[in-house]
Amino acid sequence: MTAKEYKDYKGLRKESLRDNMSDLEVLLADIGETTTRELAKEHRPYGLEANKKVAKAGGEVANITKREIESRLGKKVVTSDNMLDYKYEDNKLLEEK
């Protein structure tokens, strides 16, 4: 998912996506980002298309990791739940107590 699709999936508007991710969701994002950065250091891509390929490869590593975790847990890792326990009602943010 793109960041926008992910925010929509979680029902977020202006809130931070990372603040509303579970620990595993944050770790998977970090795996993808760190892998992409290391691949870029190693392969030194030049130009947009080459950088897109490196970014896709980093995302694939995170996706493989996600599938492995899900197979061992027996449940989805990425959920629509937000971790800050709030919801919107009539365009107002309501904090749940």
PDB file of N, CA and C in Angstrom:
ATOM      1  N   MET A   1       0.838  -1.189   0.000  1.00  0.00           N
ATOM      2  CA  MET A   1       0.000   0.000   0.000  1.00  0.00           C
ATOM      3  C   MET A   1       0.880   1.248   0.000  1.00  0.00           C
ATOM      4  N   THR A   2       0.385   2.265  -0.653  1.00  0.00           N
ATOM      5  CA  THR A   2       1.056   3.558  -0.526  1.00  0.00           C
ATOM      6  C   THR A   2       0.723   4.119   0.849  1.00  0.00           C
ATOM      7  N   ALA A   3       1.441   5.152   1.261  1.00  0.00           N
ATOM      8  CA  ALA A   3       1.159   5.766   2.562  1.00  0.00           C
ATOM      9  C   ALA A   3      -0.273   6.279   2.616  1.00  0.00           C
ATOM     10  N   LYS A   4      -0.759   6.873   1.528  1.00  0.00           N
ATOM     11  CA  LYS A   4      -2.136   7.385   1.489  1.00  0.00           C
ATOM     12  C   LYS A   4      -3.141   6.244   1.609  1.00  0.00           C
ATOM     13  N   GLU A   5      -2.914   5.158   0.879  1.00  0.00           N
ATOM     14  CA  GLU A   5      -3.807   3.998   0.963  1.00  0.00           C
ATOM     15  C   GLU A   5      -3.804   3.412   2.373  1.00  0.00           C
ATOM     16  N   TYR A   6      -2.635   3.382   2.990  1.00  0.00           N
ATOM     17  CA  TYR A   6      -2.500   2.839   4.342  1.00  0.00           C
ATOM     18  C   TYR A   6      -3.262   3.714   5.337  1.00  0.00           C
ATOM     19  N   LYS A   7      -3.128   5.050   5.206  1.00  0.00           N
ATOM     20  CA  LYS A   7      -3.856   5.968   6.091  1.00  0.00           C
ATOM     21  C   LYS A   7      -5.359   5.807   5.905  1.00  0.00           C
ATOM     22  N   ASP A   8      -5.795   5.689   4.663  1.00  0.00           N
ATOM     23  CA  ASP A   8      -7.224   5.479   4.389  1.00  0.00           C
ATOM     24  C   ASP A   8      -7.698   4.171   5.000  1.00  0.00           C
ATOM     25  N   TYR A   9      -6.905   3.125   4.876  1.00  0.00           N
ATOM     26  CA  TYR A   9      -7.237   1.805   5.422  1.00  0.00           C
ATOM     27  C   TYR A   9      -7.423   1.870   6.936  1.00  0.00           C
ATOM     28  N   LYS A  10      -6.589   2.670   7.600  1.00  0.00           N
ATOM     29  CA  LYS A  10      -6.673   2.819   9.048  1.00  0.00           C
ATOM     30  C   LYS A  10      -7.670   3.901   9.471  1.00  0.00           C
ATOM     31  N   GLY A  11      -8.271   4.599   8.491  1.00  0.00           N
ATOM     32  CA  GLY A  11      -9.250   5.632   8.816  1.00  0.00           C
ATOM     33  C   GLY A  11      -8.636   6.895   9.385  1.00  0.00           C
ATOM     34  N   LEU A  12      -7.406   7.191   8.973  1.00  0.00           N
ATOM     35  CA  LEU A  12      -6.707   8.361   9.481  1.00  0.00           C
ATOM     36  C   LEU A  12      -6.929   9.557   8.567  1.00  0.00           C
ATOM     37  N   ARG A  13      -6.868  10.727   9.131  1.00  0.00           N
ATOM     38  CA  ARG A  13      -6.981  11.960   8.355  1.00  0.00           C
ATOM     39  C   ARG A  13      -5.660  12.704   8.390  1.00  0.00           C
ATOM     40  N   LYS A  14      -5.412  13.428   9.465  1.00  0.00           N
ATOM     41  CA  LYS A  14      -4.160  14.184   9.573  1.00  0.00           C
ATOM     42  C   LYS A  14      -3.182  13.559  10.555  1.00  0.00           C
ATOM     43  N   GLU A  15      -3.591  12.497  11.197  1.00  0.00           N
ATOM     44  CA  GLU A  15      -2.759  11.866  12.213  1.00  0.00           C
ATOM     45  C   GLU A  15      -1.545  11.175  11.580  1.00  0.00           C
ATOM     46  N   SER A  16      -0.537  10.982  12.403  1.00  0.00           N
ATOM     47  CA  SER A  16       0.674  10.295  11.970  1.00  0.00           C
ATOM     48  C   SER A  16       0.375   8.816  11.738  1.00  0.00           C
ATOM     49  N   LEU A  17       0.772   8.321  10.583  1.00  0.00           N
ATOM     50  CA  LEU A  17       0.575   6.912  10.275  1.00  0.00           C
ATOM     51  C   LEU A  17       1.377   6.038  11.242  1.00  0.00           C
ATOM     52  N   ARG A  18       2.642   6.361  11.451  1.00  0.00           N
ATOM     53  CA  ARG A  18       3.484   5.548  12.338  1.00  0.00           C
ATOM     54  C   ARG A  18       2.954   5.514  13.763  1.00  0.00           C
ATOM     55  N   ASP A  19       2.407   6.620  14.238  1.00  0.00           N
ATOM     56  CA  ASP A  19       1.861   6.649  15.595  1.00  0.00           C
ATOM     57  C   ASP A  19       0.678   5.703  15.743  1.00  0.00           C
ATOM     58  N   ASN A  20       0.068   5.331  14.649  1.00  0.00           N
ATOM     59  CA  ASN A  20      -1.111   4.481  14.678  1.00  0.00           C
ATOM     60  C   ASN A  20      -0.836   3.061  14.210  1.00  0.00           C
ATOM     61  N   MET A  21       0.432   2.713  14.052  1.00  0.00           N
ATOM     62  CA  MET A  21       0.816   1.359  13.666  1.00  0.00           C
ATOM     63  C   MET A  21       1.130   0.533  14.905  1.00  0.00           C
ATOM     64  N   SER A  22       0.908  -0.767  14.795  1.00  0.00           N
ATOM     65  CA  SER A  22       1.337  -1.680  15.863  1.00  0.00           C
ATOM     66  C   SER A  22       2.860  -1.794  15.800  1.00  0.00           C
ATOM     67  N   ASP A  23       3.441  -2.395  16.822  1.00  0.00           N
ATOM     68  CA  ASP A  23       4.891  -2.586  16.838  1.00  0.00           C
ATOM     69  C   ASP A  23       5.368  -3.367  15.612  1.00  0.00           C
ATOM     70  N   LEU A  24       4.642  -4.416  15.246  1.00  0.00           N
ATOM     71  CA  LEU A  24       5.046  -5.210  14.078  1.00  0.00           C
ATOM     72  C   LEU A  24       4.920  -4.413  12.787  1.00  0.00           C
ATOM     73  N   GLU A  25       3.887  -3.600  12.660  1.00  0.00           N
ATOM     74  CA  GLU A  25       3.739  -2.782  11.458  1.00  0.00           C
ATOM     75  C   GLU A  25       4.912  -1.808  11.321  1.00  0.00           C
ATOM     76  N   VAL A  26       5.308  -1.183  12.429  1.00  0.00           N
ATOM     77  CA  VAL A  26       6.445  -0.253  12.408  1.00  0.00           C
ATOM     78  C   VAL A  26       7.723  -1.009  12.046  1.00  0.00           C
ATOM     79  N   LEU A  27       7.924  -2.169  12.645  1.00  0.00           N
ATOM     80  CA  LEU A  27       9.127  -2.955  12.356  1.00  0.00           C
ATOM     81  C   LEU A  27       9.196  -3.364  10.883  1.00  0.00           C
ATOM     82  N   LEU A  28       8.075  -3.741  10.314  1.00  0.00           N
ATOM     83  CA  LEU A  28       8.066  -4.115   8.895  1.00  0.00           C
ATOM     84  C   LEU A  28       8.373  -2.918   8.001  1.00  0.00           C
ATOM     85  N   ALA A  29       7.849  -1.753   8.352  1.00  0.00           N
ATOM     86  CA  ALA A  29       8.180  -0.540   7.603  1.00  0.00           C
ATOM     87  C   ALA A  29       9.674  -0.249   7.703  1.00  0.00           C
ATOM     88  N   ASP A  30      10.219  -0.409   8.907  1.00  0.00           N
ATOM     89  CA  ASP A  30      11.654  -0.187   9.107  1.00  0.00           C
ATOM     90  C   ASP A  30      12.496  -1.182   8.308  1.00  0.00           C
ATOM     91  N   ILE A  31      12.065  -2.441   8.261  1.00  0.00           N
ATOM     92  CA  ILE A  31      12.793  -3.452   7.475  1.00  0.00           C
ATOM     93  C   ILE A  31      12.830  -3.047   6.006  1.00  0.00           C
ATOM     94  N   GLY A  32      11.696  -2.639   5.474  1.00  0.00           N
ATOM     95  CA  GLY A  32      11.647  -2.219   4.073  1.00  0.00           C
ATOM     96  C   GLY A  32      12.520  -1.008   3.802  1.00  0.00           C
ATOM     97  N   GLU A  33      12.447  -0.013   4.685  1.00  0.00           N
ATOM     98  CA  GLU A  33      13.233   1.209   4.495  1.00  0.00           C
ATOM     99  C   GLU A  33      14.729   0.951   4.636  1.00  0.00           C
ATOM    100  N   THR A  34      15.104   0.194   5.651  1.00  0.00           N
ATOM    101  CA  THR A  34      16.520  -0.082   5.884  1.00  0.00           C
ATOM    102  C   THR A  34      17.098  -0.956   4.782  1.00  0.00           C
ATOM    103  N   THR A  35      16.351  -1.949   4.354  1.00  0.00           N
ATOM    104  CA  THR A  35      16.812  -2.804   3.255  1.00  0.00           C
ATOM    105  C   THR A  35      16.999  -1.980   1.988  1.00  0.00           C
ATOM    106  N   THR A  36      16.050  -1.096   1.701  1.00  0.00           N
ATOM    107  CA  THR A  36      16.156  -0.245   0.521  1.00  0.00           C
ATOM    108  C   THR A  36      17.406   0.635   0.602  1.00  0.00           C
ATOM    109  N   ARG A  37      17.644   1.227   1.756  1.00  0.00           N
ATOM    110  CA  ARG A  37      18.816   2.086   1.941  1.00  0.00           C
ATOM    111  C   ARG A  37      20.116   1.295   1.733  1.00  0.00           C
ATOM    112  N   GLU A  38      20.183   0.094   2.301  1.00  0.00           N
ATOM    113  CA  GLU A  38      21.389  -0.718   2.146  1.00  0.00           C
ATOM    114  C   GLU A  38      21.591  -1.179   0.701  1.00  0.00           C
ATOM    115  N   LEU A  39      20.494  -1.530   0.033  1.00  0.00           N
ATOM    116  CA  LEU A  39      20.600  -1.907  -1.381  1.00  0.00           C
ATOM    117  C   LEU A  39      21.077  -0.732  -2.228  1.00  0.00           C
ATOM    118  N   ALA A  40      20.593   0.463  -1.901  1.00  0.00           N
ATOM    119  CA  ALA A  40      21.014   1.656  -2.638  1.00  0.00           C
ATOM    120  C   ALA A  40      22.502   1.937  -2.419  1.00  0.00           C
ATOM    121  N   LYS A  41      22.983   1.740  -1.179  1.00  0.00           N
ATOM    122  CA  LYS A  41      24.415   1.929  -0.909  1.00  0.00           C
ATOM    123  C   LYS A  41      25.253   0.932  -1.710  1.00  0.00           C
ATOM    124  N   GLU A  42      24.773  -0.305  -1.752  1.00  0.00           N
ATOM    125  CA  GLU A  42      25.524  -1.379  -2.412  1.00  0.00           C
ATOM    126  C   GLU A  42      25.518  -1.252  -3.935  1.00  0.00           C
ATOM    127  N   HIS A  43      24.355  -0.961  -4.498  1.00  0.00           N
ATOM    128  CA  HIS A  43      24.200  -0.987  -5.965  1.00  0.00           C
ATOM    129  C   HIS A  43      24.278   0.387  -6.619  1.00  0.00           C
ATOM    130  N   ARG A  44      24.208   1.446  -5.815  1.00  0.00           N
ATOM    131  CA  ARG A  44      24.302   2.820  -6.303  1.00  0.00           C
ATOM    132  C   ARG A  44      23.456   3.063  -7.565  1.00  0.00           C
ATOM    133  N   PRO A  45      22.144   2.930  -7.444  1.00  0.00           N
ATOM    134  CA  PRO A  45      21.280   3.138  -8.606  1.00  0.00           C
ATOM    135  C   PRO A  45      21.352   4.585  -9.092  1.00  0.00           C
ATOM    136  N   TYR A  46      21.226   4.761 -10.402  1.00  0.00           N
ATOM    137  CA  TYR A  46      21.255   6.094 -10.990  1.00  0.00           C
ATOM    138  C   TYR A  46      19.962   6.311 -11.756  1.00  0.00           C
ATOM    139  N   GLY A  47      19.263   7.367 -11.430  1.00  0.00           N
ATOM    140  CA  GLY A  47      18.026   7.692 -12.125  1.00  0.00           C
ATOM    141  C   GLY A  47      16.805   7.129 -11.420  1.00  0.00           C
ATOM    142  N   LEU A  48      15.663   7.667 -11.815  1.00  0.00           N
ATOM    143  CA  LEU A  48      14.408   7.315 -11.169  1.00  0.00           C
ATOM    144  C   LEU A  48      14.069   5.837 -11.319  1.00  0.00           C
ATOM    145  N   GLU A  49      14.174   5.302 -12.500  1.00  0.00           N
ATOM    146  CA  GLU A  49      13.783   3.900 -12.732  1.00  0.00           C
ATOM    147  C   GLU A  49      14.650   2.934 -11.928  1.00  0.00           C
ATOM    148  N   ALA A  50      15.951   3.187 -11.885  1.00  0.00           N
ATOM    149  CA  ALA A  50      16.841   2.319 -11.115  1.00  0.00           C
ATOM    150  C   ALA A  50      16.521   2.413  -9.626  1.00  0.00           C
ATOM    151  N   ASN A  51      16.220   3.616  -9.137  1.00  0.00           N
ATOM    152  CA  ASN A  51      15.865   3.785  -7.733  1.00  0.00           C
ATOM    153  C   ASN A  51      14.528   3.127  -7.415  1.00  0.00           C
ATOM    154  N   LYS A  52      13.588   3.147  -8.345  1.00  0.00           N
ATOM    155  CA  LYS A  52      12.304   2.460  -8.144  1.00  0.00           C
ATOM    156  C   LYS A  52      12.516   0.960  -7.980  1.00  0.00           C
ATOM    157  N   LYS A  53      13.424   0.402  -8.770  1.00  0.00           N
ATOM    158  CA  LYS A  53      13.707  -1.037  -8.674  1.00  0.00           C
ATOM    159  C   LYS A  53      14.292  -1.389  -7.310  1.00  0.00           C
ATOM    160  N   VAL A  54      15.178  -0.544  -6.808  1.00  0.00           N
ATOM    161  CA  VAL A  54      15.775  -0.786  -5.492  1.00  0.00           C
ATOM    162  C   VAL A  54      14.701  -0.676  -4.414  1.00  0.00           C
ATOM    163  N   ALA A  55      13.846   0.328  -4.505  1.00  0.00           N
ATOM    164  CA  ALA A  55      12.772   0.507  -3.516  1.00  0.00           C
ATOM    165  C   ALA A  55      11.819  -0.684  -3.545  1.00  0.00           C
ATOM    166  N   LYS A  56      11.512  -1.172  -4.738  1.00  0.00           N
ATOM    167  CA  LYS A  56      10.631  -2.335  -4.855  1.00  0.00           C
ATOM    168  C   LYS A  56      11.283  -3.565  -4.214  1.00  0.00           C
ATOM    169  N   ALA A  57      12.561  -3.731  -4.417  1.00  0.00           N
ATOM    170  CA  ALA A  57      13.273  -4.871  -3.822  1.00  0.00           C
ATOM    171  C   ALA A  57      13.248  -4.790  -2.296  1.00  0.00           C
ATOM    172  N   GLY A  58      13.438  -3.603  -1.738  1.00  0.00           N
ATOM    173  CA  GLY A  58      13.363  -3.433  -0.288  1.00  0.00           C
ATOM    174  C   GLY A  58      11.980  -3.748   0.238  1.00  0.00           C
ATOM    175  N   GLY A  59      10.953  -3.323  -0.492  1.00  0.00           N
ATOM    176  CA  GLY A  59       9.577  -3.626  -0.107  1.00  0.00           C
ATOM    177  C   GLY A  59       9.269  -5.106  -0.187  1.00  0.00           C
ATOM    178  N   GLU A  60       9.852  -5.779  -1.159  1.00  0.00           N
ATOM    179  CA  GLU A  60       9.640  -7.227  -1.289  1.00  0.00           C
ATOM    180  C   GLU A  60      10.217  -7.973  -0.085  1.00  0.00           C
ATOM    181  N   VAL A  61      11.351  -7.519   0.425  1.00  0.00           N
ATOM    182  CA  VAL A  61      11.944  -8.154   1.610  1.00  0.00           C
ATOM    183  C   VAL A  61      10.991  -8.004   2.796  1.00  0.00           C
ATOM    184  N   ALA A  62      10.440  -6.809   2.977  1.00  0.00           N
ATOM    185  CA  ALA A  62       9.482  -6.585   4.066  1.00  0.00           C
ATOM    186  C   ALA A  62       8.238  -7.442   3.871  1.00  0.00           C
ATOM    187  N   ASN A  63       7.778  -7.575   2.643  1.00  0.00           N
ATOM    188  CA  ASN A  63       6.581  -8.377   2.363  1.00  0.00           C
ATOM    189  C   ASN A  63       6.822  -9.858   2.656  1.00  0.00           C
ATOM    190  N   ILE A  64       7.984 -10.362   2.291  1.00  0.00           N
ATOM    191  CA  ILE A  64       8.328 -11.761   2.595  1.00  0.00           C
ATOM    192  C   ILE A  64       8.363 -11.963   4.106  1.00  0.00           C
ATOM    193  N   THR A  65       8.958 -11.006   4.806  1.00  0.00           N
ATOM    194  CA  THR A  65       9.025 -11.071   6.266  1.00  0.00           C
ATOM    195  C   THR A  65       7.628 -11.053   6.869  1.00  0.00           C
ATOM    196  N   LYS A  66       6.769 -10.181   6.360  1.00  0.00           N
ATOM    197  CA  LYS A  66       5.384 -10.083   6.848  1.00  0.00           C
ATOM    198  C   LYS A  66       4.659 -11.402   6.661  1.00  0.00           C
ATOM    199  N   ARG A  67       4.779 -11.995   5.493  1.00  0.00           N
ATOM    200  CA  ARG A  67       4.098 -13.271   5.229  1.00  0.00           C
ATOM    201  C   ARG A  67       4.600 -14.369   6.170  1.00  0.00           C
ATOM    202  N   GLU A  68       5.895 -14.386   6.441  1.00  0.00           N
ATOM    203  CA  GLU A  68       6.460 -15.395   7.353  1.00  0.00           C
ATOM    204  C   GLU A  68       5.921 -15.200   8.770  1.00  0.00           C
ATOM    205  N   ILE A  69       5.888 -13.966   9.234  1.00  0.00           N
ATOM    206  CA  ILE A  69       5.351 -13.685  10.581  1.00  0.00           C
ATOM    207  C   ILE A  69       3.884 -14.096  10.644  1.00  0.00           C
ATOM    208  N   GLU A  70       3.110 -13.725   9.625  1.00  0.00           N
ATOM    209  CA  GLU A  70       1.686 -14.067   9.608  1.00  0.00           C
ATOM    210  C   GLU A  70       1.468 -15.575   9.594  1.00  0.00           C
ATOM    211  N   SER A  71       2.302 -16.302   8.877  1.00  0.00           N
ATOM    212  CA  SER A  71       2.123 -17.761   8.830  1.00  0.00           C
ATOM    213  C   SER A  71       2.402 -18.383  10.194  1.00  0.00           C
ATOM    214  N   ARG A  72       3.337 -17.817  10.931  1.00  0.00           N
ATOM    215  CA  ARG A  72       3.666 -18.363  12.254  1.00  0.00           C
ATOM    216  C   ARG A  72       2.679 -17.913  13.324  1.00  0.00           C
ATOM    217  N   LEU A  73       2.158 -16.690  13.185  1.00  0.00           N
ATOM    218  CA  LEU A  73       1.167 -16.197  14.148  1.00  0.00           C
ATOM    219  C   LEU A  73      -0.236 -16.732  13.866  1.00  0.00           C
ATOM    220  N   GLY A  74      -0.496 -17.007  12.597  1.00  0.00           N
ATOM    221  CA  GLY A  74      -1.827 -17.455  12.209  1.00  0.00           C
ATOM    222  C   GLY A  74      -2.838 -16.322  12.112  1.00  0.00           C
ATOM    223  N   LYS A  75      -2.327 -15.095  11.959  1.00  0.00           N
ATOM    224  CA  LYS A  75      -3.224 -13.944  11.803  1.00  0.00           C
ATOM    225  C   LYS A  75      -2.506 -12.838  11.039  1.00  0.00           C
ATOM    226  N   LYS A  76      -3.285 -11.886  10.542  1.00  0.00           N
ATOM    227  CA  LYS A  76      -2.746 -10.757   9.786  1.00  0.00           C
ATOM    228  C   LYS A  76      -1.965  -9.824  10.704  1.00  0.00           C
ATOM    229  N   VAL A  77      -0.910  -9.256  10.173  1.00  0.00           N
ATOM    230  CA  VAL A  77      -0.101  -8.293  10.912  1.00  0.00           C
ATOM    231  C   VAL A  77      -0.606  -6.880  10.653  1.00  0.00           C
ATOM    232  N   VAL A  78      -0.919  -6.584   9.412  1.00  0.00           N
ATOM    233  CA  VAL A  78      -1.406  -5.254   9.036  1.00  0.00           C
ATOM    234  C   VAL A  78      -2.915  -5.241   9.224  1.00  0.00           C
ATOM    235  N   THR A  79      -3.384  -4.338  10.084  1.00  0.00           N
ATOM    236  CA  THR A  79      -4.817  -4.249  10.356  1.00  0.00           C
ATOM    237  C   THR A  79      -5.289  -2.811  10.213  1.00  0.00           C
ATOM    238  N   SER A  80      -6.595  -2.650  10.170  1.00  0.00           N
ATOM    239  CA  SER A  80      -7.172  -1.307  10.091  1.00  0.00           C
ATOM    240  C   SER A  80      -7.247  -0.646  11.463  1.00  0.00           C
ATOM    241  N   ASP A  81      -6.882  -1.373  12.512  1.00  0.00           N
ATOM    242  CA  ASP A  81      -6.905  -0.808  13.866  1.00  0.00           C
ATOM    243  C   ASP A  81      -5.888   0.319  13.978  1.00  0.00           C
ATOM    244  N   ASN A  82      -6.283   1.391  14.694  1.00  0.00           N
ATOM    245  CA  ASN A  82      -5.278   2.393  15.009  1.00  0.00           C
ATOM    246  C   ASN A  82      -4.908   2.215  16.470  1.00  0.00           C
ATOM    247  N   MET A  83      -3.674   2.478  16.780  1.00  0.00           N
ATOM    248  CA  MET A  83      -3.141   2.155  18.093  1.00  0.00           C
ATOM    249  C   MET A  83      -3.419   3.220  19.147  1.00  0.00           C
ATOM    250  N   LEU A  84      -4.020   4.340  18.773  1.00  0.00           N
ATOM    251  CA  LEU A  84      -4.253   5.413  19.733  1.00  0.00           C
ATOM    252  C   LEU A  84      -5.685   5.437  20.254  1.00  0.00           C
ATOM    253  N   ASP A  85      -6.505   4.465  19.877  1.00  0.00           N
ATOM    254  CA  ASP A  85      -7.871   4.323  20.386  1.00  0.00           C
ATOM    255  C   ASP A  85      -8.713   5.588  20.282  1.00  0.00           C
ATOM    256  N   TYR A  86      -8.920   6.050  19.094  1.00  0.00           N
ATOM    257  CA  TYR A  86      -9.842   7.161  18.886  1.00  0.00           C
ATOM    258  C   TYR A  86     -10.648   6.887  17.638  1.00  0.00           C
ATOM    259  N   LYS A  87     -11.672   7.657  17.446  1.00  0.00           N
ATOM    260  CA  LYS A  87     -12.496   7.514  16.249  1.00  0.00           C
ATOM    261  C   LYS A  87     -13.063   8.872  15.893  1.00  0.00           C
ATOM    262  N   TYR A  88     -13.569   8.979  14.688  1.00  0.00           N
ATOM    263  CA  TYR A  88     -14.208  10.192  14.226  1.00  0.00           C
ATOM    264  C   TYR A  88     -15.712  10.028  14.286  1.00  0.00           C
ATOM    265  N   GLU A  89     -16.397  11.068  14.657  1.00  0.00           N
ATOM    266  CA  GLU A  89     -17.848  11.084  14.618  1.00  0.00           C
ATOM    267  C   GLU A  89     -18.263  12.486  14.219  1.00  0.00           C
ATOM    268  N   ASP A  90     -18.990  12.600  13.098  1.00  0.00           N
ATOM    269  CA  ASP A  90     -19.422  13.913  12.598  1.00  0.00           C
ATOM    270  C   ASP A  90     -18.258  14.886  12.450  1.00  0.00           C
ATOM    271  N   ASN A  91     -17.167  14.417  11.810  1.00  0.00           N
ATOM    272  CA  ASN A  91     -15.992  15.230  11.556  1.00  0.00           C
ATOM    273  C   ASN A  91     -15.273  15.725  12.796  1.00  0.00           C
ATOM    274  N   LYS A  92     -15.532  15.142  13.956  1.00  0.00           N
ATOM    275  CA  LYS A  92     -14.839  15.483  15.187  1.00  0.00           C
ATOM    276  C   LYS A  92     -14.039  14.276  15.655  1.00  0.00           C
ATOM    277  N   LEU A  93     -12.856  14.558  16.144  1.00  0.00           N
ATOM    278  CA  LEU A  93     -12.032  13.498  16.707  1.00  0.00           C
ATOM    279  C   LEU A  93     -12.453  13.280  18.144  1.00  0.00           C
ATOM    280  N   LEU A  94     -12.855  12.044  18.465  1.00  0.00           N
ATOM    281  CA  LEU A  94     -13.278  11.713  19.822  1.00  0.00           C
ATOM    282  C   LEU A  94     -12.258  10.783  20.453  1.00  0.00           C
ATOM    283  N   GLU A  95     -11.768  11.142  21.589  1.00  0.00           N
ATOM    284  CA  GLU A  95     -10.845  10.283  22.335  1.00  0.00           C
ATOM    285  C   GLU A  95     -11.673   9.273  23.117  1.00  0.00           C
ATOM    286  N   GLU A  96     -11.326   8.002  23.027  1.00  0.00           N
ATOM    287  CA  GLU A  96     -12.015   6.988  23.820  1.00  0.00           C
ATOM    288  C   GLU A  96     -11.305   6.866  25.151  1.00  0.00           C
ATOM    289  N   LYS A  97     -12.085   6.746  26.209  1.00  0.00           N
ATOM    290  CA  LYS A  97     -11.502   6.677  27.550  1.00  0.00           C
ATOM    291  C   LYS A  97     -11.605   5.301  28.110  1.00  0.00           C
TER     292      LYS A  97
END
